[in-house]
PDB file of N, CA and C in Angstrom:
ATOM      1  N   MET A   1     226.366 -19.318 -85.134  1.00  0.00           N
ATOM      2  CA  MET A   1     227.157 -20.487 -84.770  1.00  0.00           C
ATOM      3  C   MET A   1     227.668 -20.289 -83.333  1.00  0.00           C
ATOM      4  N   THR A   2     227.492 -21.290 -82.511  1.00  0.00           N
ATOM      5  CA  THR A   2     227.992 -21.254 -81.151  1.00  0.00           C
ATOM      6  C   THR A   2     228.925 -22.412 -80.921  1.00  0.00           C
ATOM      7  N   SER A   3     229.795 -22.251 -79.958  1.00  0.00           N
ATOM      8  CA  SER A   3     230.683 -23.349 -79.589  1.00  0.00           C
ATOM      9  C   SER A   3     230.804 -23.351 -78.076  1.00  0.00           C
ATOM     10  N   ASP A   4     230.984 -24.526 -77.525  1.00  0.00           N
ATOM     11  CA  ASP A   4     231.124 -24.656 -76.087  1.00  0.00           C
ATOM     12  C   ASP A   4     232.587 -24.445 -75.696  1.00  0.00           C
ATOM     13  N   VAL A   5     232.784 -23.662 -74.662  1.00  0.00           N
ATOM     14  CA  VAL A   5     234.118 -23.390 -74.146  1.00  0.00           C
ATOM     15  C   VAL A   5     234.124 -23.705 -72.670  1.00  0.00           C
ATOM     16  N   LEU A   6     235.109 -24.457 -72.234  1.00  0.00           N
ATOM     17  CA  LEU A   6     235.275 -24.797 -70.830  1.00  0.00           C
ATOM     18  C   LEU A   6     236.486 -24.040 -70.307  1.00  0.00           C
ATOM     19  N   LEU A   7     236.298 -23.227 -69.257  1.00  0.00           N
ATOM     20  CA  LEU A   7     237.403 -22.563 -68.588  1.00  0.00           C
ATOM     21  C   LEU A   7     237.779 -23.404 -67.384  1.00  0.00           C
ATOM     22  N   ARG A   8     239.077 -23.674 -67.230  1.00  0.00           N
ATOM     23  CA  ARG A   8     239.528 -24.485 -66.096  1.00  0.00           C
ATOM     24  C   ARG A   8     240.921 -24.037 -65.665  1.00  0.00           C
ATOM     25  N   ARG A   9     241.263 -24.391 -64.426  1.00  0.00           N
ATOM     26  CA  ARG A   9     242.607 -24.113 -63.932  1.00  0.00           C
ATOM     27  C   ARG A   9     243.619 -24.914 -64.734  1.00  0.00           C
ATOM     28  N   ALA A  10     244.722 -24.281 -65.024  1.00  0.00           N
ATOM     29  CA  ALA A  10     245.796 -24.956 -65.746  1.00  0.00           C
ATOM     30  C   ALA A  10     246.506 -25.939 -64.827  1.00  0.00           C
ATOM     31  N   THR A  11     247.028 -26.981 -65.424  1.00  0.00           N
ATOM     32  CA  THR A  11     247.834 -27.965 -64.702  1.00  0.00           C
ATOM     33  C   THR A  11     249.223 -28.006 -65.347  1.00  0.00           C
ATOM     34  N   GLY A  12     250.107 -28.746 -64.743  1.00  0.00           N
ATOM     35  CA  GLY A  12     251.450 -28.896 -65.298  1.00  0.00           C
ATOM     36  C   GLY A  12     251.439 -29.416 -66.727  1.00  0.00           C
ATOM     37  N   ALA A  13     250.440 -30.206 -67.060  1.00  0.00           N
ATOM     38  CA  ALA A  13     250.338 -30.756 -68.417  1.00  0.00           C
ATOM     39  C   ALA A  13     250.053 -29.672 -69.451  1.00  0.00           C
ATOM     40  N   ASP A  14     249.576 -28.515 -69.026  1.00  0.00           N
ATOM     41  CA  ASP A  14     249.261 -27.416 -69.937  1.00  0.00           C
ATOM     42  C   ASP A  14     250.440 -26.470 -70.170  1.00  0.00           C
ATOM     43  N   ALA A  15     251.489 -26.593 -69.399  1.00  0.00           N
ATOM     44  CA  ALA A  15     252.576 -25.604 -69.401  1.00  0.00           C
ATOM     45  C   ALA A  15     253.232 -25.419 -70.769  1.00  0.00           C
ATOM     46  N   LEU A  16     253.509 -26.500 -71.466  1.00  0.00           N
ATOM     47  CA  LEU A  16     254.176 -26.357 -72.765  1.00  0.00           C
ATOM     48  C   LEU A  16     253.282 -25.675 -73.791  1.00  0.00           C
ATOM     49  N   ASP A  17     251.995 -26.024 -73.799  1.00  0.00           N
ATOM     50  CA  ASP A  17     251.070 -25.356 -74.717  1.00  0.00           C
ATOM     51  C   ASP A  17     250.940 -23.871 -74.376  1.00  0.00           C
ATOM     52  N   MET A  18     250.907 -23.567 -73.090  1.00  0.00           N
ATOM     53  CA  MET A  18     250.827 -22.166 -72.669  1.00  0.00           C
ATOM     54  C   MET A  18     252.074 -21.402 -73.097  1.00  0.00           C
ATOM     55  N   ALA A  19     253.218 -22.017 -72.968  1.00  0.00           N
ATOM     56  CA  ALA A  19     254.463 -21.375 -73.383  1.00  0.00           C
ATOM     57  C   ALA A  19     254.446 -21.118 -74.890  1.00  0.00           C
ATOM     58  N   GLU A  20     253.930 -22.054 -75.654  1.00  0.00           N
ATOM     59  CA  GLU A  20     253.852 -21.868 -77.112  1.00  0.00           C
ATOM     60  C   GLU A  20     252.940 -20.688 -77.469  1.00  0.00           C
ATOM     61  N   VAL A  21     251.818 -20.569 -76.779  1.00  0.00           N
ATOM     62  CA  VAL A  21     250.926 -19.422 -77.011  1.00  0.00           C
ATOM     63  C   VAL A  21     251.676 -18.134 -76.711  1.00  0.00           C
ATOM     64  N   TRP A  22     252.378 -18.088 -75.597  1.00  0.00           N
ATOM     65  CA  TRP A  22     253.138 -16.891 -75.212  1.00  0.00           C
ATOM     66  C   TRP A  22     254.220 -16.575 -76.237  1.00  0.00           C
ATOM     67  N   LEU A  23     254.989 -17.593 -76.643  1.00  0.00           N
ATOM     68  CA  LEU A  23     256.067 -17.381 -77.606  1.00  0.00           C
ATOM     69  C   LEU A  23     255.536 -16.840 -78.938  1.00  0.00           C
ATOM     70  N   ARG A  24     254.476 -17.436 -79.427  1.00  0.00           N
ATOM     71  CA  ARG A  24     253.930 -17.008 -80.718  1.00  0.00           C
ATOM     72  C   ARG A  24     253.325 -15.603 -80.626  1.00  0.00           C
ATOM     73  N   SER A  25     252.580 -15.350 -79.556  1.00  0.00           N
ATOM     74  CA  SER A  25     251.928 -14.044 -79.451  1.00  0.00           C
ATOM     75  C   SER A  25     252.945 -12.928 -79.231  1.00  0.00           C
ATOM     76  N   SER A  26     253.980 -13.169 -78.436  1.00  0.00           N
ATOM     77  CA  SER A  26     254.977 -12.123 -78.223  1.00  0.00           C
ATOM     78  C   SER A  26     255.786 -11.871 -79.491  1.00  0.00           C
ATOM     79  N   SER A  27     256.077 -12.901 -80.246  1.00  0.00           N
ATOM     80  CA  SER A  27     256.799 -12.723 -81.516  1.00  0.00           C
ATOM     81  C   SER A  27     255.969 -11.950 -82.520  1.00  0.00           C
ATOM     82  N   SER A  28     254.675 -12.216 -82.522  1.00  0.00           N
ATOM     83  CA  SER A  28     253.779 -11.537 -83.453  1.00  0.00           C
ATOM     84  C   SER A  28     253.542 -10.083 -83.046  1.00  0.00           C
ATOM     85  N   ALA A  29     253.321  -9.849 -81.761  1.00  0.00           N
ATOM     86  CA  ALA A  29     253.005  -8.506 -81.280  1.00  0.00           C
ATOM     87  C   ALA A  29     254.239  -7.606 -81.197  1.00  0.00           C
ATOM     88  N   LEU A  30     255.382  -8.184 -80.866  1.00  0.00           N
ATOM     89  CA  LEU A  30     256.597  -7.398 -80.654  1.00  0.00           C
ATOM     90  C   LEU A  30     257.785  -8.014 -81.393  1.00  0.00           C
ATOM     91  N   PRO A  31     257.730  -8.029 -82.708  1.00  0.00           N
ATOM     92  CA  PRO A  31     258.799  -8.699 -83.456  1.00  0.00           C
ATOM     93  C   PRO A  31     260.172  -8.061 -83.293  1.00  0.00           C
ATOM     94  N   MET A  32     260.215  -6.787 -82.898  1.00  0.00           N
ATOM     95  CA  MET A  32     261.500  -6.107 -82.776  1.00  0.00           C
ATOM     96  C   MET A  32     262.157  -6.304 -81.405  1.00  0.00           C
ATOM     97  N   VAL A  33     261.422  -6.897 -80.457  1.00  0.00           N
ATOM     98  CA  VAL A  33     261.946  -7.097 -79.113  1.00  0.00           C
ATOM     99  C   VAL A  33     262.624  -8.456 -79.017  1.00  0.00           C
ATOM    100  N   ARG A  34     263.841  -8.449 -78.566  1.00  0.00           N
ATOM    101  CA  ARG A  34     264.570  -9.703 -78.382  1.00  0.00           C
ATOM    102  C   ARG A  34     264.029 -10.396 -77.136  1.00  0.00           C
ATOM    103  N   ARG A  35     263.799 -11.691 -77.229  1.00  0.00           N
ATOM    104  CA  ARG A  35     263.241 -12.420 -76.089  1.00  0.00           C
ATOM    105  C   ARG A  35     264.164 -13.570 -75.704  1.00  0.00           C
ATOM    106  N   ALA A  36     263.840 -14.178 -74.588  1.00  0.00           N
ATOM    107  CA  ALA A  36     264.628 -15.324 -74.106  1.00  0.00           C
ATOM    108  C   ALA A  36     264.521 -16.487 -75.087  1.00  0.00           C
ATOM    109  N   HIS A  37     265.453 -17.395 -74.982  1.00  0.00           N
ATOM    110  CA  HIS A  37     265.410 -18.590 -75.813  1.00  0.00           C
ATOM    111  C   HIS A  37     264.145 -19.381 -75.516  1.00  0.00           C
ATOM    112  N   SER A  38     263.608 -20.006 -76.523  1.00  0.00           N
ATOM    113  CA  SER A  38     262.341 -20.751 -76.399  1.00  0.00           C
ATOM    114  C   SER A  38     262.398 -21.804 -75.297  1.00  0.00           C
ATOM    115  N   ASP A  39     263.515 -22.514 -75.182  1.00  0.00           N
ATOM    116  CA  ASP A  39     263.632 -23.546 -74.154  1.00  0.00           C
ATOM    117  C   ASP A  39     263.562 -22.949 -72.756  1.00  0.00           C
ATOM    118  N   GLU A  40     264.139 -21.744 -72.571  1.00  0.00           N
ATOM    119  CA  GLU A  40     264.077 -21.081 -71.272  1.00  0.00           C
ATOM    120  C   GLU A  40     262.650 -20.666 -70.934  1.00  0.00           C
ATOM    121  N   VAL A  41     261.912 -20.210 -71.929  1.00  0.00           N
ATOM    122  CA  VAL A  41     260.511 -19.814 -71.730  1.00  0.00           C
ATOM    123  C   VAL A  41     259.686 -21.039 -71.362  1.00  0.00           C
ATOM    124  N   ARG A  42     259.881 -22.131 -72.060  1.00  0.00           N
ATOM    125  CA  ARG A  42     259.130 -23.356 -71.749  1.00  0.00           C
ATOM    126  C   ARG A  42     259.422 -23.836 -70.334  1.00  0.00           C
ATOM    127  N   SER A  43     260.662 -23.786 -69.926  1.00  0.00           N
ATOM    128  CA  SER A  43     261.032 -24.184 -68.569  1.00  0.00           C
ATOM    129  C   SER A  43     260.419 -23.242 -67.540  1.00  0.00           C
ATOM    130  N   TRP A  44     260.437 -21.948 -67.824  1.00  0.00           N
ATOM    131  CA  TRP A  44     259.849 -20.952 -66.916  1.00  0.00           C
ATOM    132  C   TRP A  44     258.356 -21.202 -66.735  1.00  0.00           C
ATOM    133  N   PHE A  45     257.652 -21.495 -67.836  1.00  0.00           N
ATOM    134  CA  PHE A  45     256.225 -21.795 -67.710  1.00  0.00           C
ATOM    135  C   PHE A  45     255.994 -23.046 -66.875  1.00  0.00           C
ATOM    136  N   ALA A  46     256.785 -24.076 -67.107  1.00  0.00           N
ATOM    137  CA  ALA A  46     256.606 -25.360 -66.409  1.00  0.00           C
ATOM    138  C   ALA A  46     256.950 -25.260 -64.929  1.00  0.00           C
ATOM    139  N   HIS A  47     258.023 -24.541 -64.584  1.00  0.00           N
ATOM    140  CA  HIS A  47     258.518 -24.530 -63.207  1.00  0.00           C
ATOM    141  C   HIS A  47     258.151 -23.316 -62.381  1.00  0.00           C
ATOM    142  N   VAL A  48     257.668 -22.254 -63.020  1.00  0.00           N
ATOM    143  CA  VAL A  48     257.327 -21.038 -62.282  1.00  0.00           C
ATOM    144  C   VAL A  48     255.886 -20.599 -62.539  1.00  0.00           C
ATOM    145  N   VAL A  49     255.561 -20.343 -63.788  1.00  0.00           N
ATOM    146  CA  VAL A  49     254.255 -19.756 -64.096  1.00  0.00           C
ATOM    147  C   VAL A  49     253.116 -20.642 -63.633  1.00  0.00           C
ATOM    148  N   VAL A  50     253.072 -21.871 -64.113  1.00  0.00           N
ATOM    149  CA  VAL A  50     251.936 -22.750 -63.788  1.00  0.00           C
ATOM    150  C   VAL A  50     251.983 -23.220 -62.336  1.00  0.00           C
ATOM    151  N   SER A  51     253.164 -23.484 -61.818  1.00  0.00           N
ATOM    152  CA  SER A  51     253.242 -24.022 -60.461  1.00  0.00           C
ATOM    153  C   SER A  51     253.062 -22.951 -59.386  1.00  0.00           C
ATOM    154  N   ASP A  52     253.442 -21.697 -59.655  1.00  0.00           N
ATOM    155  CA  ASP A  52     253.408 -20.653 -58.625  1.00  0.00           C
ATOM    156  C   ASP A  52     252.292 -19.627 -58.796  1.00  0.00           C
ATOM    157  N   HIS A  53     251.550 -19.707 -59.884  1.00  0.00           N
ATOM    158  CA  HIS A  53     250.525 -18.698 -60.181  1.00  0.00           C
ATOM    159  C   HIS A  53     249.207 -19.346 -60.564  1.00  0.00           C
ATOM    160  N   GLU A  54     248.147 -18.590 -60.393  1.00  0.00           N
ATOM    161  CA  GLU A  54     246.827 -19.053 -60.813  1.00  0.00           C
ATOM    162  C   GLU A  54     246.719 -18.829 -62.314  1.00  0.00           C
ATOM    163  N   CYS A  55     246.657 -19.910 -63.062  1.00  0.00           N
ATOM    164  CA  CYS A  55     246.575 -19.838 -64.515  1.00  0.00           C
ATOM    165  C   CYS A  55     245.322 -20.576 -64.978  1.00  0.00           C
ATOM    166  N   TRP A  56     244.758 -20.092 -66.053  1.00  0.00           N
ATOM    167  CA  TRP A  56     243.536 -20.679 -66.594  1.00  0.00           C
ATOM    168  C   TRP A  56     243.728 -20.988 -68.072  1.00  0.00           C
ATOM    169  N   VAL A  57     243.051 -22.008 -68.545  1.00  0.00           N
ATOM    170  CA  VAL A  57     243.019 -22.333 -69.962  1.00  0.00           C
ATOM    171  C   VAL A  57     241.565 -22.432 -70.410  1.00  0.00           C
ATOM    172  N   ALA A  58     241.355 -22.165 -71.683  1.00  0.00           N
ATOM    173  CA  ALA A  58     240.025 -22.298 -72.300  1.00  0.00           C
ATOM    174  C   ALA A  58     240.102 -23.460 -73.262  1.00  0.00           C
ATOM    175  N   GLU A  59     239.205 -24.399 -73.095  1.00  0.00           N
ATOM    176  CA  GLU A  59     239.166 -25.557 -73.991  1.00  0.00           C
ATOM    177  C   GLU A  59     237.941 -25.452 -74.885  1.00  0.00           C
ATOM    178  N   GLU A  60     238.185 -25.632 -76.174  1.00  0.00           N
ATOM    179  CA  GLU A  60     237.101 -25.630 -77.144  1.00  0.00           C
ATOM    180  C   GLU A  60     237.243 -26.837 -78.035  1.00  0.00           C
ATOM    181  N   GLN A  61     236.238 -27.668 -78.110  1.00  0.00           N
ATOM    182  CA  GLN A  61     236.223 -28.860 -78.961  1.00  0.00           C
ATOM    183  C   GLN A  61     237.491 -29.693 -78.806  1.00  0.00           C
ATOM    184  N   GLY A  62     237.902 -29.922 -77.567  1.00  0.00           N
ATOM    185  CA  GLY A  62     239.035 -30.800 -77.286  1.00  0.00           C
ATOM    186  C   GLY A  62     240.399 -30.133 -77.316  1.00  0.00           C
ATOM    187  N   GLY A  63     240.484 -28.873 -77.716  1.00  0.00           N
ATOM    188  CA  GLY A  63     241.765 -28.172 -77.745  1.00  0.00           C
ATOM    189  C   GLY A  63     241.808 -27.161 -76.610  1.00  0.00           C
ATOM    190  N   ALA A  64     242.998 -26.705 -76.236  1.00  0.00           N
ATOM    191  CA  ALA A  64     243.122 -25.745 -75.153  1.00  0.00           C
ATOM    192  C   ALA A  64     243.877 -24.516 -75.627  1.00  0.00           C
ATOM    193  N   GLY A  65     243.523 -23.378 -75.063  1.00  0.00           N
ATOM    194  CA  GLY A  65     244.231 -22.122 -75.302  1.00  0.00           C
ATOM    195  C   GLY A  65     244.500 -21.477 -73.958  1.00  0.00           C
ATOM    196  N   ALA A  66     245.606 -20.839 -73.799  1.00  0.00           N
ATOM    197  CA  ALA A  66     246.004 -20.327 -72.492  1.00  0.00           C
ATOM    198  C   ALA A  66     245.485 -18.918 -72.245  1.00  0.00           C
ATOM    199  N   ALA A  67     245.176 -18.640 -70.998  1.00  0.00           N
ATOM    200  CA  ALA A  67     244.886 -17.284 -70.535  1.00  0.00           C
ATOM    201  C   ALA A  67     246.056 -16.858 -69.678  1.00  0.00           C
ATOM    202  N   PRO A  68     246.412 -15.575 -69.714  1.00  0.00           N
ATOM    203  CA  PRO A  68     247.580 -15.153 -68.940  1.00  0.00           C
ATOM    204  C   PRO A  68     247.378 -15.344 -67.445  1.00  0.00           C
ATOM    205  N   PRO A  69     248.442 -15.611 -66.713  1.00  0.00           N
ATOM    206  CA  PRO A  69     248.318 -15.765 -65.269  1.00  0.00           C
ATOM    207  C   PRO A  69     248.029 -14.437 -64.591  1.00  0.00           C
ATOM    208  N   ARG A  70     247.333 -14.489 -63.455  1.00  0.00           N
ATOM    209  CA  ARG A  70     247.102 -13.285 -62.658  1.00  0.00           C
ATOM    210  C   ARG A  70     248.087 -13.282 -61.514  1.00  0.00           C
ATOM    211  N   PRO A  71     248.731 -12.134 -61.248  1.00  0.00           N
ATOM    212  CA  PRO A  71     249.625 -12.089 -60.092  1.00  0.00           C
ATOM    213  C   PRO A  71     248.846 -12.288 -58.807  1.00  0.00           C
ATOM    214  N   ALA A  72     249.515 -12.737 -57.757  1.00  0.00           N
ATOM    215  CA  ALA A  72     248.848 -13.043 -56.494  1.00  0.00           C
ATOM    216  C   ALA A  72     248.032 -11.876 -55.974  1.00  0.00           C
ATOM    217  N   ALA A  73     248.512 -10.652 -56.136  1.00  0.00           N
ATOM    218  CA  ALA A  73     247.811  -9.473 -55.628  1.00  0.00           C
ATOM    219  C   ALA A  73     246.459  -9.280 -56.332  1.00  0.00           C
ATOM    220  N   ALA A  74     246.289  -9.806 -57.530  1.00  0.00           N
ATOM    221  CA  ALA A  74     245.060  -9.631 -58.272  1.00  0.00           C
ATOM    222  C   ALA A  74     244.044 -10.736 -57.977  1.00  0.00           C
ATOM    223  N   ARG A  75     244.437 -11.758 -57.246  1.00  0.00           N
ATOM    224  CA  ARG A  75     243.536 -12.849 -56.930  1.00  0.00           C
ATOM    225  C   ARG A  75     242.706 -12.504 -55.713  1.00  0.00           C
ATOM    226  N   PRO A  76     241.432 -12.818 -55.757  1.00  0.00           N
ATOM    227  CA  PRO A  76     240.579 -12.554 -54.582  1.00  0.00           C
ATOM    228  C   PRO A  76     241.134 -13.212 -53.324  1.00  0.00           C
ATOM    229  N   GLY A  77     241.149 -12.459 -52.249  1.00  0.00           N
ATOM    230  CA  GLY A  77     241.564 -12.988 -50.956  1.00  0.00           C
ATOM    231  C   GLY A  77     243.063 -13.100 -50.762  1.00  0.00           C
ATOM    232  N   THR A  78     243.874 -12.540 -51.678  1.00  0.00           N
ATOM    233  CA  THR A  78     245.324 -12.648 -51.515  1.00  0.00           C
ATOM    234  C   THR A  78     245.997 -11.294 -51.299  1.00  0.00           C
ATOM    235  N   GLY A  79     245.255 -10.287 -51.010  1.00  0.00           N
ATOM    236  CA  GLY A  79     245.914  -9.047 -50.670  1.00  0.00           C
ATOM    237  C   GLY A  79     245.504  -7.912 -51.456  1.00  0.00           C
TER     238      GLY A  79
END
């Protein structure tokens, strides 16, 4: 079985879905670690992560999943 996946740059419209992926994965992977309030995380993704960093999403059959952002130093041509 194969499925088509489209990788694309994230836009502001993806920020909330990306924040949800981060919130769920961090809760699952590190349940004992206290984290910021969900609303603060969503705001951070919308106003900092997606707007200031190179972020990518993978879309499969009309849905999207987030890939973690790369810091500027890890991007080609940025240092």
